[in-house]
Protein backbone atom coordinates (compact mmCIF):
# COMPACT_ATOMS: atom_id res chain seq x y z
CA MET A 1 -10.61 8.92 25.65
CA GLN A 2 -7.99 6.07 26.23
CA GLU A 3 -10.31 3.49 27.34
CA ASN A 4 -12.11 3.63 24.51
CA TYR A 5 -9.38 3.09 21.93
CA LYS A 6 -10.17 -0.74 21.12
CA ARG A 7 -13.60 0.30 20.23
CA LEU A 8 -12.52 3.28 18.01
CA GLY A 9 -9.13 1.43 16.58
CA MET A 10 -5.80 1.44 17.97
CA LEU A 11 -4.92 4.29 15.65
CA GLU A 12 -7.09 7.27 14.81
CA ILE A 13 -6.30 9.81 12.82
CA VAL A 14 -8.28 13.06 13.01
CA ASP A 15 -8.16 15.76 10.14
CA LEU A 16 -4.33 16.17 9.80
CA VAL A 17 -3.13 19.15 8.16
CA LYS A 18 0.32 19.96 7.33
CA LYS A 19 1.19 23.28 5.72
CA PHE A 20 4.70 24.37 4.66
CA GLY A 21 4.56 28.08 3.86
CA PRO A 22 1.55 28.42 1.02
CA ILE A 23 2.23 24.57 0.28
CA VAL A 24 -0.78 22.37 1.52
CA ALA A 25 1.03 18.87 1.96
CA VAL A 26 -1.50 17.24 3.67
CA ASP A 27 -5.20 18.57 3.84
CA GLY A 28 -7.77 17.14 6.23
CA VAL A 29 -6.56 13.36 6.61
CA SER A 30 -8.93 11.21 8.86
CA PHE A 31 -8.94 7.36 9.05
CA VAL A 32 -9.00 4.60 11.89
CA VAL A 33 -7.42 1.73 12.03
CA PRO A 34 -8.37 -1.06 14.19
CA PRO A 35 -6.22 -4.11 15.93
CA GLY A 36 -5.60 -6.64 13.25
CA GLU A 37 -5.63 -4.66 10.06
CA VAL A 38 -2.75 -4.20 7.70
CA LEU A 39 -3.47 -0.51 5.81
CA GLY A 40 -1.44 0.25 2.55
CA PHE A 41 -1.18 3.86 2.21
CA LEU A 42 -0.48 4.26 -1.39
CA GLY A 43 0.08 7.64 -3.37
CA PRO A 44 2.14 9.42 -6.06
CA ASN A 45 5.39 10.98 -5.11
CA GLY A 46 4.28 14.44 -3.41
CA ALA A 47 1.03 12.92 -2.46
CA GLY A 48 1.64 13.35 1.56
CA LYS A 49 2.03 9.89 2.50
CA SER A 50 5.65 10.32 4.64
CA THR A 51 4.62 13.68 5.77
CA THR A 52 1.36 12.18 7.46
CA MET A 53 3.23 9.25 8.45
CA LYS A 54 5.78 11.65 10.11
CA MET A 55 2.82 13.79 12.00
CA ILE A 56 1.23 10.35 13.42
CA SER A 57 4.73 9.30 14.80
CA GLY A 58 5.33 12.55 16.47
CA PHE A 59 8.27 13.03 14.05
CA MET A 60 6.73 16.13 12.75
CA ALA A 61 4.21 18.70 14.47
CA PRO A 62 0.88 19.05 12.45
CA THR A 63 -0.34 22.29 11.41
CA ALA A 64 -3.88 20.90 12.61
CA GLY A 65 -5.58 17.60 13.36
CA THR A 66 -3.99 15.20 15.68
CA ALA A 67 -3.23 11.15 15.80
CA LEU A 68 -4.41 8.85 18.87
CA ILE A 69 -2.38 5.95 19.46
CA CYS A 70 -3.96 3.54 21.91
CA GLY A 71 -5.98 6.50 23.34
CA HIS A 72 -3.11 8.80 23.51
CA ASP A 73 -3.15 11.91 21.75
CA ILE A 74 0.36 12.51 19.88
CA ARG A 75 0.33 16.04 20.58
CA THR A 76 -0.94 16.48 24.03
CA ARG A 77 0.81 13.21 25.09
CA PRO A 78 3.36 12.42 23.10
CA LEU A 79 5.69 10.01 25.16
CA ALA A 80 3.16 7.97 26.20
CA ALA A 81 1.74 7.77 22.06
CA LYS A 82 5.54 7.08 21.25
CA ARG A 83 5.77 4.15 23.79
CA GLN A 84 3.17 2.37 21.33
CA ILE A 85 4.64 3.04 17.87
CA GLY A 86 7.41 1.50 15.87
CA TYR A 87 8.31 3.47 13.52
CA LEU A 88 10.44 2.91 10.00
CA PRO A 89 11.01 6.24 8.33
CA GLU A 90 12.24 6.86 5.01
CA GLY A 91 16.12 5.78 4.34
CA ALA A 92 16.17 3.55 7.50
CA PRO A 93 18.55 5.99 9.27
CA ALA A 94 21.09 4.50 11.61
CA TYR A 95 24.37 5.34 12.61
CA PRO A 96 26.75 3.72 10.20
CA ASP A 97 29.66 2.90 12.17
CA MET A 98 27.71 1.01 14.94
CA SER A 99 27.34 -2.78 14.18
CA ALA A 100 23.85 -3.81 13.69
CA ALA A 101 23.80 -5.62 17.12
CA GLU A 102 25.37 -2.32 18.87
CA PHE A 103 22.40 -0.29 17.01
CA LEU A 104 19.80 -2.61 17.95
CA GLY A 105 21.39 -2.67 21.40
CA PHE A 106 20.97 1.19 21.58
CA ILE A 107 17.49 1.20 20.34
CA ALA A 108 16.50 -1.29 23.26
CA HIS A 109 18.21 0.85 26.20
CA ILE A 110 16.41 3.66 24.81
CA ARG A 111 13.36 1.77 24.62
CA GLY A 112 13.98 0.99 28.30
CA PHE A 113 14.83 -2.39 28.29
CA ARG A 114 18.30 -3.54 29.89
CA GLY A 115 20.79 -6.52 30.60
CA ALA A 116 19.29 -9.92 30.10
CA GLU A 117 15.87 -8.47 28.72
CA ALA A 118 17.60 -6.18 26.24
CA ARG A 119 19.73 -9.00 25.01
CA LYS A 120 16.56 -11.15 24.54
CA ARG A 121 15.06 -8.57 22.62
CA VAL A 122 17.91 -8.01 20.00
CA ALA A 123 18.14 -11.86 19.65
CA HIS A 124 14.57 -12.35 18.80
CA ILE A 125 14.23 -9.82 16.43
CA ALA A 126 17.17 -10.36 14.76
CA GLU A 127 16.07 -13.95 14.31
CA LEU A 128 12.45 -12.99 13.04
CA ILE A 129 13.73 -10.35 10.48
CA ASN A 130 16.90 -12.97 9.64
CA ILE A 131 19.47 -10.59 10.17
CA ALA A 132 21.21 -12.78 12.88
CA ASP A 133 24.42 -13.33 10.56
CA ILE A 134 24.90 -9.68 9.83
CA LEU A 135 24.74 -8.53 13.64
CA HIS A 136 28.54 -8.14 14.25
CA GLN A 137 29.02 -6.36 10.70
CA PRO A 138 29.24 -2.26 10.72
CA ILE A 139 25.96 -1.18 9.00
CA GLU A 140 27.67 1.02 6.70
CA THR A 141 28.90 -2.18 5.23
CA LEU A 142 25.80 -3.56 4.57
CA SER A 143 23.97 -3.68 1.24
CA LYS A 144 20.75 -1.36 1.28
CA GLY A 145 18.70 -4.49 1.62
CA TYR A 146 20.10 -5.32 4.96
CA ARG A 147 20.09 -1.96 6.36
CA ARG A 148 16.32 -1.51 5.44
CA ARG A 149 16.22 -4.94 7.25
CA VAL A 150 17.78 -3.44 10.51
CA GLY A 151 15.43 -0.49 10.21
CA VAL A 152 12.17 -2.96 10.34
CA ALA A 153 14.22 -4.62 13.28
CA GLN A 154 14.27 -1.25 15.35
CA ALA A 155 10.60 -0.70 14.84
CA LEU A 156 9.49 -3.88 15.90
CA LEU A 157 12.06 -4.54 18.79
CA HIS A 158 10.24 -3.31 21.72
CA ASP A 159 6.96 -5.34 20.15
CA PRO A 160 4.69 -2.13 19.72
CA ALA A 161 0.82 -2.00 19.27
CA VAL A 162 0.98 0.54 16.51
CA VAL A 163 3.47 -0.39 13.23
CA ILE A 164 4.28 2.33 10.71
CA LEU A 165 6.69 1.32 8.01
CA ASP A 166 7.69 3.74 5.13
CA GLU A 167 8.57 1.74 2.17
CA PRO A 168 9.71 -1.28 4.22
CA THR A 169 10.62 -3.78 1.05
CA ASP A 170 13.07 -1.00 -0.27
CA GLY A 171 16.26 -2.06 -1.79
CA LEU A 172 15.46 -6.01 -0.95
CA ASP A 173 15.49 -8.52 -3.41
CA PRO A 174 12.38 -10.54 -4.78
CA ASN A 175 12.89 -13.49 -2.33
CA GLN A 176 13.61 -11.04 0.77
CA LYS A 177 10.35 -8.88 -0.22
CA HIS A 178 8.48 -12.21 -0.08
CA GLU A 179 10.04 -13.21 3.45
CA MET A 180 9.17 -9.85 4.50
CA ARG A 181 5.53 -9.69 3.74
CA GLY A 182 5.08 -12.70 5.44
CA ILE A 183 6.93 -11.33 8.71
CA ILE A 184 4.16 -8.33 8.41
CA ARG A 185 1.54 -10.68 8.12
CA ALA A 186 3.06 -12.92 10.49
CA ILE A 187 3.03 -10.06 13.37
CA SER A 188 -0.43 -8.32 12.26
CA PRO A 189 -2.64 -9.97 14.75
CA GLY A 190 -3.57 -7.35 17.72
CA LYS A 191 -1.49 -4.63 16.18
CA ALA A 192 -2.54 -1.90 13.84
CA ILE A 193 -0.23 -1.88 10.73
CA ILE A 194 0.41 1.30 8.45
CA ILE A 195 2.73 0.30 5.27
CA SER A 196 3.59 2.90 2.46
CA THR A 197 4.60 1.76 -0.78
CA HIS A 198 4.50 2.36 -4.51
CA LEU A 199 4.63 -1.36 -4.76
CA LEU A 200 0.65 -2.17 -5.89
CA GLU A 201 1.74 -5.95 -6.05
CA GLU A 202 2.71 -5.32 -2.23
CA VAL A 203 -0.72 -4.11 -1.16
CA GLU A 204 -2.39 -6.82 -3.10
CA ALA A 205 -0.31 -9.47 -1.15
CA VAL A 206 0.08 -8.07 2.31
CA CYS A 207 -2.67 -5.64 2.95
CA SER A 208 -6.52 -5.91 3.86
CA ARG A 209 -7.18 -2.43 3.59
CA ALA A 210 -6.00 0.28 1.45
CA ILE A 211 -6.17 4.12 1.02
CA ILE A 212 -4.92 6.56 -2.00
CA ILE A 213 -3.82 9.57 -1.28
CA ALA A 214 -2.84 12.15 -3.71
CA ARG A 215 -2.60 16.08 -3.53
CA GLY A 216 -2.81 15.66 0.52
CA ARG A 217 -6.16 14.32 0.30
CA ILE A 218 -7.87 10.57 0.46
CA LEU A 219 -9.29 9.71 -2.91
CA ALA A 220 -10.24 6.10 -1.81
CA ASP A 221 -10.39 3.59 1.05
CA ASP A 222 -11.40 -0.14 0.86
CA THR A 223 -10.36 -3.48 0.38
CA PRO A 224 -7.73 -4.07 -2.33
CA ALA A 225 -10.07 -6.30 -3.95
CA ALA A 226 -12.91 -3.72 -3.80
CA LEU A 227 -10.49 -0.76 -4.99
CA ALA A 228 -9.62 -2.68 -8.20
CA ALA A 229 -13.23 -3.75 -8.46
CA ARG A 230 -13.78 -0.06 -9.39
CA SER A 231 -11.22 0.03 -12.25
CA ARG A 232 -12.63 -0.41 -16.03
CA TYR A 233 -11.09 -3.85 -16.19
CA HIS A 234 -13.91 -5.23 -13.97
CA ASN A 235 -15.33 -7.91 -15.51
CA ALA A 236 -13.60 -7.33 -18.96
CA VAL A 237 -13.08 -10.03 -20.90
CA ARG A 238 -9.63 -10.99 -22.59
CA LEU A 239 -10.55 -12.55 -26.02
CA ALA A 240 -7.14 -13.95 -27.37
CA VAL A 241 -6.84 -15.08 -31.12
CA PRO A 242 -4.56 -16.16 -33.84
CA ALA A 243 -2.73 -13.32 -35.38
CA ASP A 244 -4.64 -14.16 -38.61
CA ALA A 245 -7.93 -14.04 -37.30
CA ASP A 246 -10.77 -12.19 -38.67
CA PRO A 247 -10.67 -8.68 -37.76
CA ALA A 248 -14.42 -8.43 -38.51
CA ILE A 249 -14.75 -10.45 -35.39
CA ALA A 250 -14.00 -7.56 -33.24
CA ALA A 251 -17.00 -5.85 -34.91
CA GLU A 252 -19.35 -8.28 -33.84
CA LEU A 253 -18.37 -8.29 -30.55
CA ALA A 254 -18.62 -4.76 -30.39
CA GLY A 255 -22.45 -5.49 -31.48
CA LEU A 256 -22.82 -7.74 -28.23
CA ARG A 257 -25.25 -6.69 -25.82
CA GLY A 258 -23.55 -5.22 -22.70
CA VAL A 259 -20.38 -4.51 -24.34
CA ALA A 260 -19.36 -0.79 -24.24
CA SER A 261 -16.04 -1.09 -26.41
CA VAL A 262 -13.59 -3.41 -27.87
CA GLU A 263 -10.09 -2.48 -27.83
CA PRO A 264 -7.28 -4.37 -29.33
CA ALA A 265 -4.82 -6.17 -27.30
CA SER A 266 -1.27 -7.51 -27.85
CA ASP A 267 0.60 -9.22 -24.67
CA THR A 268 1.73 -12.02 -23.16
CA ASP A 269 -1.94 -13.76 -24.01
CA GLY A 270 -1.34 -13.07 -27.71
CA GLU A 271 -3.06 -11.20 -30.05
CA GLY A 272 -7.00 -9.98 -29.50
CA TRP A 273 -9.07 -7.85 -28.09
CA TRP A 274 -10.19 -6.50 -24.64
CA LEU A 275 -14.00 -6.13 -24.23
CA PHE A 276 -15.07 -3.64 -21.77
CA PRO A 277 -18.50 -3.86 -20.19
CA GLN A 278 -21.14 -1.72 -19.58
CA ASP A 279 -21.35 -0.69 -16.23
CA ALA A 280 -19.17 -3.19 -14.92
CA ARG A 281 -21.63 -5.90 -15.66
CA SER A 282 -20.42 -9.29 -16.39
CA ILE A 283 -20.50 -9.91 -20.17
CA ILE A 284 -18.69 -13.26 -19.84
CA ALA A 285 -21.82 -15.44 -20.68
CA GLY A 286 -22.80 -14.00 -23.57
CA VAL A 287 -19.09 -13.62 -25.13
CA SER A 288 -18.63 -17.22 -24.58
CA GLU A 289 -22.15 -17.95 -26.33
CA LEU A 290 -21.11 -15.94 -29.30
CA VAL A 291 -17.96 -17.63 -29.94
CA ARG A 292 -19.37 -21.11 -29.74
CA ALA A 293 -21.78 -19.84 -32.06
CA ARG A 294 -19.50 -18.75 -34.39
CA GLY A 295 -16.62 -21.35 -34.34
CA TRP A 296 -13.96 -18.37 -33.86
CA PRO A 297 -10.67 -20.23 -33.27
CA VAL A 298 -9.92 -18.75 -30.09
CA THR A 299 -6.89 -19.51 -28.21
CA GLY A 300 -7.74 -18.07 -24.71
CA LEU A 301 -10.39 -16.67 -22.82
CA ARG A 302 -10.63 -14.88 -19.75
CA VAL A 303 -12.47 -12.73 -17.37
CA GLU A 304 -10.30 -9.58 -15.23
CA HIS A 305 -11.53 -8.70 -11.64
CA GLY A 306 -10.06 -5.42 -11.55
CA ARG A 307 -6.64 -3.94 -11.56
CA LEU A 308 -5.58 -1.76 -8.93
CA ASP A 309 -2.88 -0.15 -11.19
CA GLU A 310 -5.54 0.92 -13.42
CA LEU A 311 -7.94 2.59 -10.84
CA PHE A 312 -4.52 4.27 -9.29
CA ARG A 313 -3.85 6.15 -12.25
CA ALA A 314 -7.23 6.76 -12.75
CA ILE A 315 -7.91 8.72 -9.84
CA THR A 316 -4.36 9.96 -8.87
CA LEU A 317 -3.28 11.49 -12.62
CA PRO A 318 -4.58 15.39 -12.86
CA GLN A 319 -7.56 15.14 -15.06
CA PRO A 320 -7.22 17.27 -18.27
CA ALA A 321 -9.12 20.67 -17.67
CA THR A 322 -12.56 21.40 -19.15
CA SER A 323 -12.44 23.91 -22.06
CA THR A 324 -15.40 26.42 -22.50
CA SER A 325 -16.21 25.21 -25.41
CA ASP A 326 -16.55 21.87 -24.36
CA ARG A 327 -18.60 23.03 -21.41
CA ASP A 328 -21.08 24.87 -23.58
CA ALA A 329 -21.61 21.84 -25.66
CA ALA A 330 -22.41 19.82 -22.69
């Protein structure tokens, strides 16, 4: 098994299940993360994200299934597997009375580094994560953002092959988030990285792939762009017009070939309408031609390529139950 991990992926998740009494928190989750991939792990609160990551890292025993880290089974060869993992759990727990330098030195020691090599590792990671200026401050005095950065530093200190980060930018300001995303991109070659996050823009900015999980099951798995293209906004057209434009324009747009619906819009683009296509087909050519032919006073016209947030809501929110009368009518 171990010699095949490069073919299978640095990280292979096999039918993971976790039950807490009658509650099934994770229900048969499987996926593979090859080297060089940054996987965004998305889901609403209680979806099973953190529980899955705890099982992958060996922090929590699964009810069934397993995880293979560089070919090592986390259940049967936990020490060999954990040597390959860098893990940032929820809350970035640390010893608050230690300074950041002392804490990272402690992590280096338990990772097997001694003397000059340990000091070299701490100095390198402090520079990479940009925490050198707070190394000698007690962790309890640090801001939430800096505590999070120290947590990321301990996860990366031993240069692991598999990196699991649970909300790595939680508590960081916009500039720090941008910097952290750059760090993740910079370390991604040759590593398998999983990032759990609630920030969909973070997935679009840094992840090459995204999995959406809800109620313990994987609902979608693709590139962020491909997932966004599954939303109803794929190839939708945003038409902006002056506030006093003729409302009859909407009725004429609704009759255009390929247009499924026209909905009023009022946002940063101004007043106007959203034109949603049938079967996600492109309608921009027909809309543009009609606008020119009618000479409408259009102030903006653009095509939307999709919205990850809209797809996320569509597949993770519970769907209303179908009533008996609805089923009979169908």
